[in-house]
Amino acid sequence: MSIVGILQGIWESSGLYALTYKEGIMILLAFLLLFLAIVKKFEPLLLLPIAFGMLLANLPNAGLMAPAAMGEPWYTAGLLNLLYMGVKSSIFPCLIFLGIGAMTDFGPMLANPVSLLLGAAAQFGIYIAFIIAI
């Protein structure tokens, strides 16, 4: 077997060989969001997991979103498909917002208590707009 045949076999068995332009664009966008989250510090709590999920979901031939085959146990599904079960059952969104709420900085509100009144007025405005809409 020649070196060219070996290199061609390596290339055809790699993920880059199966990469489509759509997956390539999504991977580039994932790297852009990772850059914005890590280097520029633009909402890293939200952008970092979103970008990492984009990167994992668009890896070619990885099978991370593959569903479990009919009659097979649930744990034979891809990793992201198993994680998506937590999203479908509404467990993960609740945990995410609970965690973000726990990390909320109350320093500005305690330094300026008038901002608490502004927040309360905004809530009353939502309810009043709802009542008017009905």
C-alpha atoms as a PDB file:
ATOM      1  CA  MET A   1       0.000   0.000   0.000  1.00  0.00           C
ATOM      2  CA  SER A   2       1.365   3.403  -0.928  1.00  0.00           C
ATOM      3  CA  ILE A   3       1.698   6.473   1.236  1.00  0.00           C
ATOM      4  CA  VAL A   4      -0.913   8.249  -0.899  1.00  0.00           C
ATOM      5  CA  GLY A   5      -3.402   5.418  -0.294  1.00  0.00           C
ATOM      6  CA  ILE A   6      -2.756   5.546   3.456  1.00  0.00           C
ATOM      7  CA  LEU A   7      -3.186   9.327   3.555  1.00  0.00           C
ATOM      8  CA  GLN A   8      -6.353   9.065   1.464  1.00  0.00           C
ATOM      9  CA  GLY A   9      -7.729   6.443   3.871  1.00  0.00           C
ATOM     10  CA  ILE A  10      -6.956   8.671   6.861  1.00  0.00           C
ATOM     11  CA  TRP A  11      -8.619  11.643   5.136  1.00  0.00           C
ATOM     12  CA  GLU A  12     -11.757   9.675   4.223  1.00  0.00           C
ATOM     13  CA  SER A  13     -12.133   8.326   7.764  1.00  0.00           C
ATOM     14  CA  SER A  14     -11.760  11.753   9.371  1.00  0.00           C
ATOM     15  CA  GLY A  15     -14.572  14.058  10.340  1.00  0.00           C
ATOM     16  CA  LEU A  16     -13.296  16.800   8.030  1.00  0.00           C
ATOM     17  CA  TYR A  17     -14.088  14.613   5.010  1.00  0.00           C
ATOM     18  CA  ALA A  18     -17.770  14.496   6.028  1.00  0.00           C
ATOM     19  CA  LEU A  19     -17.948  18.208   6.924  1.00  0.00           C
ATOM     20  CA  THR A  20     -20.610  20.089   4.966  1.00  0.00           C
ATOM     21  CA  TYR A  21     -20.564  23.838   4.425  1.00  0.00           C
ATOM     22  CA  LYS A  22     -23.554  24.244   6.775  1.00  0.00           C
ATOM     23  CA  GLU A  23     -21.733  22.502   9.600  1.00  0.00           C
ATOM     24  CA  GLY A  24     -18.614  24.539   8.813  1.00  0.00           C
ATOM     25  CA  ILE A  25     -20.532  27.810   9.111  1.00  0.00           C
ATOM     26  CA  MET A  26     -22.074  26.727  12.418  1.00  0.00           C
ATOM     27  CA  ILE A  27     -18.671  25.681  13.778  1.00  0.00           C
ATOM     28  CA  LEU A  28     -17.216  29.065  12.793  1.00  0.00           C
ATOM     29  CA  LEU A  29     -20.131  30.803  14.539  1.00  0.00           C
ATOM     30  CA  ALA A  30     -19.526  28.648  17.616  1.00  0.00           C
ATOM     31  CA  PHE A  31     -15.880  29.740  17.670  1.00  0.00           C
ATOM     32  CA  LEU A  32     -16.970  33.369  17.281  1.00  0.00           C
ATOM     33  CA  LEU A  33     -19.331  33.052  20.255  1.00  0.00           C
ATOM     34  CA  LEU A  34     -16.593  31.311  22.272  1.00  0.00           C
ATOM     35  CA  PHE A  35     -14.257  34.199  21.465  1.00  0.00           C
ATOM     36  CA  LEU A  36     -16.860  36.780  22.506  1.00  0.00           C
ATOM     37  CA  ALA A  37     -17.581  34.920  25.733  1.00  0.00           C
ATOM     38  CA  ILE A  38     -13.997  34.215  26.796  1.00  0.00           C
ATOM     39  CA  VAL A  39     -11.934  37.106  25.437  1.00  0.00           C
ATOM     40  CA  LYS A  40     -14.437  39.950  25.249  1.00  0.00           C
ATOM     41  CA  LYS A  41     -16.435  38.826  28.337  1.00  0.00           C
ATOM     42  CA  PHE A  42     -19.830  39.345  26.612  1.00  0.00           C
ATOM     43  CA  GLU A  43     -22.324  37.438  28.803  1.00  0.00           C
ATOM     44  CA  PRO A  44     -20.027  34.440  29.396  1.00  0.00           C
ATOM     45  CA  LEU A  45     -22.597  32.655  31.581  1.00  0.00           C
ATOM     46  CA  LEU A  46     -24.912  32.347  28.599  1.00  0.00           C
ATOM     47  CA  LEU A  47     -22.647  32.474  25.541  1.00  0.00           C
ATOM     48  CA  LEU A  48     -20.133  29.854  26.668  1.00  0.00           C
ATOM     49  CA  PRO A  49     -22.587  26.947  27.078  1.00  0.00           C
ATOM     50  CA  ILE A  50     -24.521  27.978  23.965  1.00  0.00           C
ATOM     51  CA  ALA A  51     -21.353  28.101  21.863  1.00  0.00           C
ATOM     52  CA  PHE A  52     -20.024  24.830  23.248  1.00  0.00           C
ATOM     53  CA  GLY A  53     -23.363  23.144  22.526  1.00  0.00           C
ATOM     54  CA  MET A  54     -23.268  24.531  18.971  1.00  0.00           C
ATOM     55  CA  LEU A  55     -19.783  23.136  18.519  1.00  0.00           C
ATOM     56  CA  LEU A  56     -20.699  19.678  19.811  1.00  0.00           C
ATOM     57  CA  ALA A  57     -23.956  19.451  17.868  1.00  0.00           C
ATOM     58  CA  ASN A  58     -22.240  20.259  14.560  1.00  0.00           C
ATOM     59  CA  LEU A  59     -19.261  17.914  14.777  1.00  0.00           C
ATOM     60  CA  PRO A  60     -19.477  15.696  11.685  1.00  0.00           C
ATOM     61  CA  ASN A  61     -19.901  11.926  12.147  1.00  0.00           C
ATOM     62  CA  ALA A  62     -19.807  12.241  15.949  1.00  0.00           C
ATOM     63  CA  GLY A  63     -23.321  10.863  16.513  1.00  0.00           C
ATOM     64  CA  LEU A  64     -23.832  13.040  19.577  1.00  0.00           C
ATOM     65  CA  MET A  65     -27.477  13.756  18.677  1.00  0.00           C
ATOM     66  CA  ALA A  66     -28.256  10.219  17.530  1.00  0.00           C
ATOM     67  CA  PRO A  67     -31.472   8.838  19.034  1.00  0.00           C
ATOM     68  CA  ALA A  68     -31.545   5.399  20.597  1.00  0.00           C
ATOM     69  CA  ALA A  69     -32.471   2.694  18.105  1.00  0.00           C
ATOM     70  CA  MET A  70     -35.911   1.123  18.398  1.00  0.00           C
ATOM     71  CA  GLY A  71     -35.853  -1.518  21.104  1.00  0.00           C
ATOM     72  CA  GLU A  72     -32.444  -0.437  22.402  1.00  0.00           C
ATOM     73  CA  PRO A  73     -31.908   0.927  25.945  1.00  0.00           C
ATOM     74  CA  TRP A  74     -32.060   4.706  26.431  1.00  0.00           C
ATOM     75  CA  TYR A  75     -28.358   4.922  27.284  1.00  0.00           C
ATOM     76  CA  THR A  76     -27.357   3.903  23.760  1.00  0.00           C
ATOM     77  CA  ALA A  77     -28.433   7.333  22.477  1.00  0.00           C
ATOM     78  CA  GLY A  78     -25.905  10.082  21.777  1.00  0.00           C
ATOM     79  CA  LEU A  79     -24.676  12.268  24.630  1.00  0.00           C
ATOM     80  CA  LEU A  80     -26.463  15.424  23.484  1.00  0.00           C
ATOM     81  CA  ASN A  81     -29.676  13.481  22.950  1.00  0.00           C
ATOM     82  CA  LEU A  82     -29.484  12.277  26.559  1.00  0.00           C
ATOM     83  CA  LEU A  83     -28.896  15.836  27.757  1.00  0.00           C
ATOM     84  CA  TYR A  84     -31.813  17.009  25.613  1.00  0.00           C
ATOM     85  CA  MET A  85     -34.085  14.739  27.646  1.00  0.00           C
ATOM     86  CA  GLY A  86     -33.426  17.081  30.583  1.00  0.00           C
ATOM     87  CA  VAL A  87     -34.402  20.050  28.425  1.00  0.00           C
ATOM     88  CA  LYS A  88     -37.617  18.370  27.181  1.00  0.00           C
ATOM     89  CA  SER A  89     -38.640  17.505  30.726  1.00  0.00           C
ATOM     90  CA  SER A  90     -38.050  21.160  31.779  1.00  0.00           C
ATOM     91  CA  ILE A  91     -35.531  20.217  34.467  1.00  0.00           C
ATOM     92  CA  PHE A  92     -32.483  21.948  32.989  1.00  0.00           C
ATOM     93  CA  PRO A  93     -34.098  25.344  32.223  1.00  0.00           C
ATOM     94  CA  CYS A  94     -35.309  25.562  35.812  1.00  0.00           C
ATOM     95  CA  LEU A  95     -31.849  24.688  37.138  1.00  0.00           C
ATOM     96  CA  ILE A  96     -30.198  27.207  34.819  1.00  0.00           C
ATOM     97  CA  PHE A  97     -32.420  30.096  35.867  1.00  0.00           C
ATOM     98  CA  LEU A  98     -32.133  29.058  39.505  1.00  0.00           C
ATOM     99  CA  GLY A  99     -28.343  29.165  39.201  1.00  0.00           C
ATOM    100  CA  ILE A 100     -28.321  32.520  37.396  1.00  0.00           C
ATOM    101  CA  GLY A 101     -30.696  33.932  40.010  1.00  0.00           C
ATOM    102  CA  ALA A 102     -28.441  32.673  42.798  1.00  0.00           C
ATOM    103  CA  MET A 103     -25.493  34.488  41.230  1.00  0.00           C
ATOM    104  CA  THR A 104     -27.366  37.791  40.975  1.00  0.00           C
ATOM    105  CA  ASP A 105     -25.468  40.683  42.506  1.00  0.00           C
ATOM    106  CA  PHE A 106     -27.722  42.561  44.909  1.00  0.00           C
ATOM    107  CA  GLY A 107     -25.046  45.170  45.685  1.00  0.00           C
ATOM    108  CA  PRO A 108     -26.437  47.892  43.382  1.00  0.00           C
ATOM    109  CA  MET A 109     -29.957  47.370  44.738  1.00  0.00           C
ATOM    110  CA  LEU A 110     -28.776  47.591  48.347  1.00  0.00           C
ATOM    111  CA  ALA A 111     -26.707  50.697  47.579  1.00  0.00           C
ATOM    112  CA  ASN A 112     -29.691  52.432  45.955  1.00  0.00           C
ATOM    113  CA  PRO A 113     -32.994  51.164  47.415  1.00  0.00           C
ATOM    114  CA  VAL A 114     -35.007  53.352  45.010  1.00  0.00           C
ATOM    115  CA  SER A 115     -34.174  50.818  42.278  1.00  0.00           C
ATOM    116  CA  LEU A 116     -36.304  48.282  44.195  1.00  0.00           C
ATOM    117  CA  LEU A 117     -39.290  50.585  43.735  1.00  0.00           C
ATOM    118  CA  LEU A 118     -38.554  50.856  40.019  1.00  0.00           C
ATOM    119  CA  GLY A 119     -38.556  47.061  39.747  1.00  0.00           C
ATOM    120  CA  ALA A 120     -41.854  46.843  41.617  1.00  0.00           C
ATOM    121  CA  ALA A 121     -43.353  49.540  39.362  1.00  0.00           C
ATOM    122  CA  ALA A 122     -42.270  47.535  36.314  1.00  0.00           C
ATOM    123  CA  GLN A 123     -44.085  44.472  37.655  1.00  0.00           C
ATOM    124  CA  PHE A 124     -47.246  46.504  38.224  1.00  0.00           C
ATOM    125  CA  GLY A 125     -46.907  47.833  34.670  1.00  0.00           C
ATOM    126  CA  ILE A 126     -46.839  44.277  33.311  1.00  0.00           C
ATOM    127  CA  TYR A 127     -50.007  43.339  35.178  1.00  0.00           C
ATOM    128  CA  ILE A 128     -51.784  46.539  34.144  1.00  0.00           C
ATOM    129  CA  ALA A 129     -50.848  45.968  30.481  1.00  0.00           C
ATOM    130  CA  PHE A 130     -52.162  42.395  30.768  1.00  0.00           C
ATOM    131  CA  ILE A 131     -55.454  43.568  32.230  1.00  0.00           C
ATOM    132  CA  ILE A 132     -55.836  46.230  29.520  1.00  0.00           C
ATOM    133  CA  ALA A 133     -55.057  43.624  26.843  1.00  0.00           C
ATOM    134  CA  ILE A 134     -57.811  41.363  28.133  1.00  0.00           C
END
